[in-house]
PDB file of N, CA and C in Angstrom:
ATOM      1  N   MET A   1       2.568  -7.184   5.247  1.00  0.00           N
ATOM      2  CA  MET A   1       3.048  -5.821   5.223  1.00  0.00           C
ATOM      3  C   MET A   1       3.761  -5.605   3.897  1.00  0.00           C
ATOM      4  N   LEU A   2       3.437  -4.490   3.266  1.00  0.00           N
ATOM      5  CA  LEU A   2       4.047  -4.145   1.984  1.00  0.00           C
ATOM      6  C   LEU A   2       4.702  -2.783   2.109  1.00  0.00           C
ATOM      7  N   TRP A   3       6.017  -2.728   1.856  1.00  0.00           N
ATOM      8  CA  TRP A   3       6.784  -1.475   1.897  1.00  0.00           C
ATOM      9  C   TRP A   3       6.977  -1.015   0.470  1.00  0.00           C
ATOM     10  N   LEU A   4       6.567   0.227   0.180  1.00  0.00           N
ATOM     11  CA  LEU A   4       6.666   0.779  -1.168  1.00  0.00           C
ATOM     12  C   LEU A   4       7.506   2.052  -1.161  1.00  0.00           C
ATOM     13  N   PRO A   5       8.268   2.311  -2.232  1.00  0.00           N
ATOM     14  CA  PRO A   5       8.999   3.577  -2.317  1.00  0.00           C
ATOM     15  C   PRO A   5       8.015   4.750  -2.238  1.00  0.00           C
ATOM     16  N   SER A   6       8.333   5.727  -1.420  1.00  0.00           N
ATOM     17  CA  SER A   6       7.413   6.841  -1.198  1.00  0.00           C
ATOM     18  C   SER A   6       7.298   7.757  -2.408  1.00  0.00           C
ATOM     19  N   ALA A   7       8.275   7.729  -3.314  1.00  0.00           N
ATOM     20  CA  ALA A   7       8.257   8.621  -4.469  1.00  0.00           C
ATOM     21  C   ALA A   7       7.365   8.110  -5.595  1.00  0.00           C
ATOM     22  N   GLY A   8       6.912   6.847  -5.510  1.00  0.00           N
ATOM     23  CA  GLY A   8       6.124   6.278  -6.599  1.00  0.00           C
ATOM     24  C   GLY A   8       4.667   6.697  -6.576  1.00  0.00           C
ATOM     25  N   ARG A   9       3.973   6.471  -7.691  1.00  0.00           N
ATOM     26  CA  ARG A   9       2.533   6.708  -7.790  1.00  0.00           C
ATOM     27  C   ARG A   9       1.853   5.349  -7.878  1.00  0.00           C
ATOM     28  N   TYR A  10       0.805   5.165  -7.105  1.00  0.00           N
ATOM     29  CA  TYR A  10       0.174   3.858  -7.014  1.00  0.00           C
ATOM     30  C   TYR A  10      -1.340   3.951  -7.132  1.00  0.00           C
ATOM     31  N   HIS A  11      -1.915   2.977  -7.810  1.00  0.00           N
ATOM     32  CA  HIS A  11      -3.353   2.765  -7.841  1.00  0.00           C
ATOM     33  C   HIS A  11      -3.568   1.500  -7.005  1.00  0.00           C
ATOM     34  N   ILE A  12      -4.084   1.651  -5.790  1.00  0.00           N
ATOM     35  CA  ILE A  12      -4.158   0.544  -4.833  1.00  0.00           C
ATOM     36  C   ILE A  12      -5.595   0.057  -4.703  1.00  0.00           C
ATOM     37  N   ASP A  13      -5.759  -1.260  -4.813  1.00  0.00           N
ATOM     38  CA  ASP A  13      -7.041  -1.918  -4.572  1.00  0.00           C
ATOM     39  C   ASP A  13      -6.753  -3.068  -3.599  1.00  0.00           C
ATOM     40  N   ALA A  14      -7.019  -2.856  -2.313  1.00  0.00           N
ATOM     41  CA  ALA A  14      -6.713  -3.853  -1.278  1.00  0.00           C
ATOM     42  C   ALA A  14      -8.001  -4.242  -0.552  1.00  0.00           C
ATOM     43  N   LYS A  15      -8.184  -5.544  -0.325  1.00  0.00           N
ATOM     44  CA  LYS A  15      -9.398  -6.001   0.332  1.00  0.00           C
ATOM     45  C   LYS A  15      -9.108  -7.296   1.091  1.00  0.00           C
ATOM     46  N   ASN A  16      -9.731  -7.456   2.253  1.00  0.00           N
ATOM     47  CA  ASN A  16      -9.647  -8.723   2.952  1.00  0.00           C
ATOM     48  C   ASN A  16     -11.007  -9.103   3.524  1.00  0.00           C
ATOM     49  N   LYS A  17     -11.180 -10.395   3.825  1.00  0.00           N
ATOM     50  CA  LYS A  17     -12.458 -10.882   4.332  1.00  0.00           C
ATOM     51  C   LYS A  17     -12.550 -10.773   5.842  1.00  0.00           C
ATOM     52  N   PHE A  18     -11.481 -11.132   6.541  1.00  0.00           N
ATOM     53  CA  PHE A  18     -11.452 -11.118   8.008  1.00  0.00           C
ATOM     54  C   PHE A  18     -10.200 -10.410   8.484  1.00  0.00           C
ATOM     55  N   GLY A  19     -10.272  -9.124   8.691  1.00  0.00           N
ATOM     56  CA  GLY A  19      -9.120  -8.369   9.148  1.00  0.00           C
ATOM     57  C   GLY A  19      -9.224  -6.918   8.749  1.00  0.00           C
ATOM     58  N   LYS A  20      -8.108  -6.232   8.856  1.00  0.00           N
ATOM     59  CA  LYS A  20      -8.072  -4.790   8.632  1.00  0.00           C
ATOM     60  C   LYS A  20      -7.086  -4.447   7.525  1.00  0.00           C
ATOM     61  N   VAL A  21      -7.393  -3.389   6.792  1.00  0.00           N
ATOM     62  CA  VAL A  21      -6.477  -2.828   5.800  1.00  0.00           C
ATOM     63  C   VAL A  21      -6.073  -1.452   6.304  1.00  0.00           C
ATOM     64  N   SER A  22      -4.767  -1.239   6.486  1.00  0.00           N
ATOM     65  CA  SER A  22      -4.298   0.083   6.907  1.00  0.00           C
ATOM     66  C   SER A  22      -3.225   0.549   5.931  1.00  0.00           C
ATOM     67  N   SER A  23      -3.223   1.864   5.674  1.00  0.00           N
ATOM     68  CA  SER A  23      -2.300   2.411   4.695  1.00  0.00           C
ATOM     69  C   SER A  23      -1.858   3.806   5.115  1.00  0.00           C
ATOM     70  N   ASP A  24      -0.588   4.110   4.882  1.00  0.00           N
ATOM     71  CA  ASP A  24      -0.069   5.452   5.075  1.00  0.00           C
ATOM     72  C   ASP A  24      -0.149   6.253   3.775  1.00  0.00           C
ATOM     73  N   PHE A  25      -0.682   5.647   2.714  1.00  0.00           N
ATOM     74  CA  PHE A  25      -0.860   6.324   1.434  1.00  0.00           C
ATOM     75  C   PHE A  25      -2.269   6.905   1.373  1.00  0.00           C
ATOM     76  N   PRO A  26      -2.468   7.983   0.606  1.00  0.00           N
ATOM     77  CA  PRO A  26      -3.804   8.583   0.526  1.00  0.00           C
ATOM     78  C   PRO A  26      -4.794   7.642  -0.155  1.00  0.00           C
ATOM     79  N   GLY A  27      -6.012   7.649   0.337  1.00  0.00           N
ATOM     80  CA  GLY A  27      -7.062   6.809  -0.232  1.00  0.00           C
ATOM     81  C   GLY A  27      -8.236   6.717   0.717  1.00  0.00           C
ATOM     82  N   THR A  28      -9.222   5.912   0.350  1.00  0.00           N
ATOM     83  CA  THR A  28     -10.405   5.748   1.191  1.00  0.00           C
ATOM     84  C   THR A  28     -10.489   4.323   1.697  1.00  0.00           C
ATOM     85  N   SER A  29     -10.910   4.196   2.943  1.00  0.00           N
ATOM     86  CA  SER A  29     -11.046   2.899   3.590  1.00  0.00           C
ATOM     87  C   SER A  29     -12.511   2.693   3.958  1.00  0.00           C
ATOM     88  N   LYS A  30     -13.020   1.495   3.678  1.00  0.00           N
ATOM     89  CA  LYS A  30     -14.409   1.172   4.002  1.00  0.00           C
ATOM     90  C   LYS A  30     -14.468  -0.167   4.706  1.00  0.00           C
ATOM     91  N   ARG A  31     -15.289  -0.219   5.751  1.00  0.00           N
ATOM     92  CA  ARG A  31     -15.535  -1.483   6.423  1.00  0.00           C
ATOM     93  C   ARG A  31     -16.522  -2.283   5.609  1.00  0.00           C
ATOM     94  N   ARG A  32     -16.265  -3.568   5.506  1.00  0.00           N
ATOM     95  CA  ARG A  32     -17.166  -4.463   4.806  1.00  0.00           C
ATOM     96  C   ARG A  32     -17.832  -5.352   5.844  1.00  0.00           C
ATOM     97  N   PHE A  33     -19.098  -5.210   6.012  1.00  0.00           N
ATOM     98  CA  PHE A  33     -19.866  -5.986   6.974  1.00  0.00           C
ATOM     99  C   PHE A  33     -19.301  -5.772   8.372  1.00  0.00           C
ATOM    100  N   LEU A  34     -19.134  -6.825   9.159  1.00  0.00           N
ATOM    101  CA  LEU A  34     -18.610  -6.684  10.521  1.00  0.00           C
ATOM    102  C   LEU A  34     -17.125  -6.991  10.621  1.00  0.00           C
ATOM    103  N   VAL A  35     -16.577  -7.753   9.684  1.00  0.00           N
ATOM    104  CA  VAL A  35     -15.214  -8.246   9.864  1.00  0.00           C
ATOM    105  C   VAL A  35     -14.217  -7.857   8.779  1.00  0.00           C
ATOM    106  N   GLY A  36     -14.639  -7.478   7.609  1.00  0.00           N
ATOM    107  CA  GLY A  36     -13.704  -7.190   6.519  1.00  0.00           C
ATOM    108  C   GLY A  36     -13.522  -5.700   6.295  1.00  0.00           C
ATOM    109  N   GLN A  37     -12.551  -5.371   5.451  1.00  0.00           N
ATOM    110  CA  GLN A  37     -12.284  -3.978   5.147  1.00  0.00           C
ATOM    111  C   GLN A  37     -11.728  -3.863   3.743  1.00  0.00           C
ATOM    112  N   LYS A  38     -11.960  -2.689   3.119  1.00  0.00           N
ATOM    113  CA  LYS A  38     -11.483  -2.413   1.769  1.00  0.00           C
ATOM    114  C   LYS A  38     -10.797  -1.055   1.752  1.00  0.00           C
ATOM    115  N   PHE A  39      -9.712  -0.938   0.980  1.00  0.00           N
ATOM    116  CA  PHE A  39      -8.992   0.326   0.814  1.00  0.00           C
ATOM    117  C   PHE A  39      -8.799   0.556  -0.676  1.00  0.00           C
ATOM    118  N   ALA A  40      -9.032   1.772  -1.124  1.00  0.00           N
ATOM    119  CA  ALA A  40      -8.843   2.097  -2.540  1.00  0.00           C
ATOM    120  C   ALA A  40      -8.231   3.480  -2.672  1.00  0.00           C
ATOM    121  N   SER A  41      -7.310   3.594  -3.609  1.00  0.00           N
ATOM    122  CA  SER A  41      -6.742   4.885  -3.971  1.00  0.00           C
ATOM    123  C   SER A  41      -6.524   4.891  -5.467  1.00  0.00           C
ATOM    124  N   ALA A  42      -6.722   6.019  -6.082  1.00  0.00           N
ATOM    125  CA  ALA A  42      -6.524   6.145  -7.521  1.00  0.00           C
ATOM    126  C   ALA A  42      -5.398   7.126  -7.772  1.00  0.00           C
ATOM    127  N   GLY A  43      -4.258   6.612  -8.174  1.00  0.00           N
ATOM    128  CA  GLY A  43      -3.124   7.470  -8.492  1.00  0.00           C
ATOM    129  C   GLY A  43      -3.276   8.060  -9.879  1.00  0.00           C
ATOM    130  N   SER A  44      -2.680   9.208 -10.088  1.00  0.00           N
ATOM    131  CA  SER A  44      -2.731   9.821 -11.410  1.00  0.00           C
ATOM    132  C   SER A  44      -1.880   8.998 -12.381  1.00  0.00           C
ATOM    133  N   ALA A  45      -2.258   9.003 -13.633  1.00  0.00           N
ATOM    134  CA  ALA A  45      -1.560   8.197 -14.631  1.00  0.00           C
ATOM    135  C   ALA A  45      -0.178   8.773 -14.893  1.00  0.00           C
ATOM    136  N   PRO A  46       0.837   8.034 -15.164  1.00  0.00           N
ATOM    137  CA  PRO A  46       0.866   6.585 -15.058  1.00  0.00           C
ATOM    138  C   PRO A  46       1.112   6.163 -13.607  1.00  0.00           C
ATOM    139  N   ALA A  47       0.381   5.172 -13.166  1.00  0.00           N
ATOM    140  CA  ALA A  47       0.512   4.706 -11.796  1.00  0.00           C
ATOM    141  C   ALA A  47       0.725   3.195 -11.791  1.00  0.00           C
ATOM    142  N   GLN A  48       1.472   2.731 -10.822  1.00  0.00           N
ATOM    143  CA  GLN A  48       1.677   1.297 -10.625  1.00  0.00           C
ATOM    144  C   GLN A  48       0.405   0.726 -10.013  1.00  0.00           C
ATOM    145  N   ARG A  49      -0.176  -0.301 -10.616  1.00  0.00           N
ATOM    146  CA  ARG A  49      -1.422  -0.881 -10.126  1.00  0.00           C
ATOM    147  C   ARG A  49      -1.112  -2.013  -9.147  1.00  0.00           C
ATOM    148  N   LEU A  50      -1.715  -1.931  -7.962  1.00  0.00           N
ATOM    149  CA  LEU A  50      -1.544  -2.957  -6.937  1.00  0.00           C
ATOM    150  C   LEU A  50      -2.906  -3.549  -6.614  1.00  0.00           C
ATOM    151  N   TYR A  51      -3.052  -4.862  -6.783  1.00  0.00           N
ATOM    152  CA  TYR A  51      -4.283  -5.588  -6.501  1.00  0.00           C
ATOM    153  C   TYR A  51      -3.953  -6.567  -5.378  1.00  0.00           C
ATOM    154  N   LEU A  52      -4.405  -6.257  -4.160  1.00  0.00           N
ATOM    155  CA  LEU A  52      -4.032  -7.030  -2.976  1.00  0.00           C
ATOM    156  C   LEU A  52      -5.260  -7.672  -2.362  1.00  0.00           C
ATOM    157  N   ARG A  53      -5.186  -8.981  -2.083  1.00  0.00           N
ATOM    158  CA  ARG A  53      -6.286  -9.699  -1.458  1.00  0.00           C
ATOM    159  C   ARG A  53      -5.742 -10.578  -0.328  1.00  0.00           C
ATOM    160  N   MET A  54      -6.533 -10.660   0.743  1.00  0.00           N
ATOM    161  CA  MET A  54      -6.153 -11.464   1.904  1.00  0.00           C
ATOM    162  C   MET A  54      -7.424 -12.093   2.454  1.00  0.00           C
ATOM    163  N   GLY A  55      -7.375 -13.360   2.815  1.00  0.00           N
ATOM    164  CA  GLY A  55      -8.539 -14.013   3.391  1.00  0.00           C
ATOM    165  C   GLY A  55      -8.660 -13.736   4.876  1.00  0.00           C
ATOM    166  N   PHE A  56      -7.611 -14.028   5.621  1.00  0.00           N
ATOM    167  CA  PHE A  56      -7.606 -13.857   7.068  1.00  0.00           C
ATOM    168  C   PHE A  56      -6.328 -13.150   7.473  1.00  0.00           C
ATOM    169  N   GLY A  57      -6.430 -12.070   8.227  1.00  0.00           N
ATOM    170  CA  GLY A  57      -5.253 -11.308   8.650  1.00  0.00           C
ATOM    171  C   GLY A  57      -5.406  -9.861   8.254  1.00  0.00           C
ATOM    172  N   GLY A  58      -4.312  -9.182   8.123  1.00  0.00           N
ATOM    173  CA  GLY A  58      -4.354  -7.770   7.792  1.00  0.00           C
ATOM    174  C   GLY A  58      -3.432  -7.434   6.646  1.00  0.00           C
ATOM    175  N   ILE A  59      -3.712  -6.314   6.014  1.00  0.00           N
ATOM    176  CA  ILE A  59      -2.858  -5.767   4.965  1.00  0.00           C
ATOM    177  C   ILE A  59      -2.402  -4.390   5.446  1.00  0.00           C
ATOM    178  N   THR A  60      -1.101  -4.177   5.470  1.00  0.00           N
ATOM    179  CA  THR A  60      -0.539  -2.898   5.895  1.00  0.00           C
ATOM    180  C   THR A  60       0.360  -2.374   4.784  1.00  0.00           C
ATOM    181  N   LEU A  61       0.119  -1.132   4.366  1.00  0.00           N
ATOM    182  CA  LEU A  61       0.920  -0.487   3.327  1.00  0.00           C
ATOM    183  C   LEU A  61       1.699   0.660   3.952  1.00  0.00           C
ATOM    184  N   LYS A  62       3.017   0.622   3.831  1.00  0.00           N
ATOM    185  CA  LYS A  62       3.894   1.633   4.434  1.00  0.00           C
ATOM    186  C   LYS A  62       4.880   2.154   3.397  1.00  0.00           C
ATOM    187  N   PRO A  63       5.221   3.441   3.460  1.00  0.00           N
ATOM    188  CA  PRO A  63       6.266   3.964   2.576  1.00  0.00           C
ATOM    189  C   PRO A  63       7.652   3.627   3.134  1.00  0.00           C
ATOM    190  N   ILE A  64       8.585   3.389   2.224  1.00  0.00           N
ATOM    191  CA  ILE A  64       9.975   3.206   2.629  1.00  0.00           C
ATOM    192  C   ILE A  64      10.549   4.592   2.875  1.00  0.00           C
ATOM    193  N   LEU A  65      11.081   4.816   4.034  1.00  0.00           N
ATOM    194  CA  LEU A  65      11.657   6.117   4.356  1.00  0.00           C
ATOM    195  C   LEU A  65      12.934   6.331   3.543  1.00  0.00           C
ATOM    196  N   PRO A  66      13.200   7.557   3.105  1.00  0.00           N
ATOM    197  CA  PRO A  66      14.380   7.819   2.270  1.00  0.00           C
ATOM    198  C   PRO A  66      15.678   7.336   2.914  1.00  0.00           C
ATOM    199  N   GLU A  67      15.807   7.466   4.218  1.00  0.00           N
ATOM    200  CA  GLU A  67      17.047   7.025   4.864  1.00  0.00           C
ATOM    201  C   GLU A  67      17.179   5.509   4.916  1.00  0.00           C
ATOM    202  N   SER A  68      16.096   4.783   4.629  1.00  0.00           N
ATOM    203  CA  SER A  68      16.138   3.315   4.634  1.00  0.00           C
ATOM    204  C   SER A  68      16.386   2.734   3.263  1.00  0.00           C
ATOM    205  N   GLU A  69      16.249   3.532   2.214  1.00  0.00           N
ATOM    206  CA  GLU A  69      16.426   3.026   0.866  1.00  0.00           C
ATOM    207  C   GLU A  69      17.894   2.750   0.581  1.00  0.00           C
ATOM    208  N   ALA A  70      18.132   1.712  -0.228  1.00  0.00           N
ATOM    209  CA  ALA A  70      19.491   1.341  -0.606  1.00  0.00           C
ATOM    210  C   ALA A  70      20.092   2.413  -1.511  1.00  0.00           C
ATOM    211  N   LYS A  71      21.330   2.729  -1.293  1.00  0.00           N
ATOM    212  CA  LYS A  71      22.027   3.714  -2.114  1.00  0.00           C
ATOM    213  C   LYS A  71      22.590   3.023  -3.351  1.00  0.00           C
ATOM    214  N   SER A  72      22.545   3.722  -4.487  1.00  0.00           N
ATOM    215  CA  SER A  72      23.120   3.170  -5.712  1.00  0.00           C
ATOM    216  C   SER A  72      24.643   3.281  -5.622  1.00  0.00           C
ATOM    217  N   GLU A  73      25.328   2.556  -6.486  1.00  0.00           N
ATOM    218  CA  GLU A  73      26.795   2.563  -6.479  1.00  0.00           C
ATOM    219  C   GLU A  73      27.336   3.967  -6.795  1.00  0.00           C
ATOM    220  N   ALA A  74      26.681   4.660  -7.702  1.00  0.00           N
ATOM    221  CA  ALA A  74      27.164   5.995  -8.091  1.00  0.00           C
ATOM    222  C   ALA A  74      27.076   6.976  -6.926  1.00  0.00           C
ATOM    223  N   SER A  75      26.012   6.893  -6.142  1.00  0.00           N
ATOM    224  CA  SER A  75      25.876   7.839  -5.020  1.00  0.00           C
ATOM    225  C   SER A  75      26.702   7.401  -3.820  1.00  0.00           C
ATOM    226  N   ALA A  76      27.098   6.136  -3.759  1.00  0.00           N
ATOM    227  CA  ALA A  76      27.895   5.658  -2.624  1.00  0.00           C
ATOM    228  C   ALA A  76      29.370   6.069  -2.762  1.00  0.00           C
ATOM    229  N   GLN A  77      29.798   6.392  -3.983  1.00  0.00           N
ATOM    230  CA  GLN A  77      31.213   6.719  -4.188  1.00  0.00           C
ATOM    231  C   GLN A  77      31.482   8.183  -4.023  1.00  0.00           C
TER     232      GLN A  77
END
């Protein structure tokens, strides 16, 4: 499971051989054969590039909710 800040822009390339790829970020998901899956999204430039691979298991991409993000020292005071 990968938690990413929701405000960021990402170019995601995620693939696994035996399992599922699920994402709450926009993109396209394709089944590979009977057991694997691929997810791809192209963020507008400049975007953080994520290259994710898994042999067995699943890949889950979730945004970090604003209320869960750590507050900086300046905003905490």
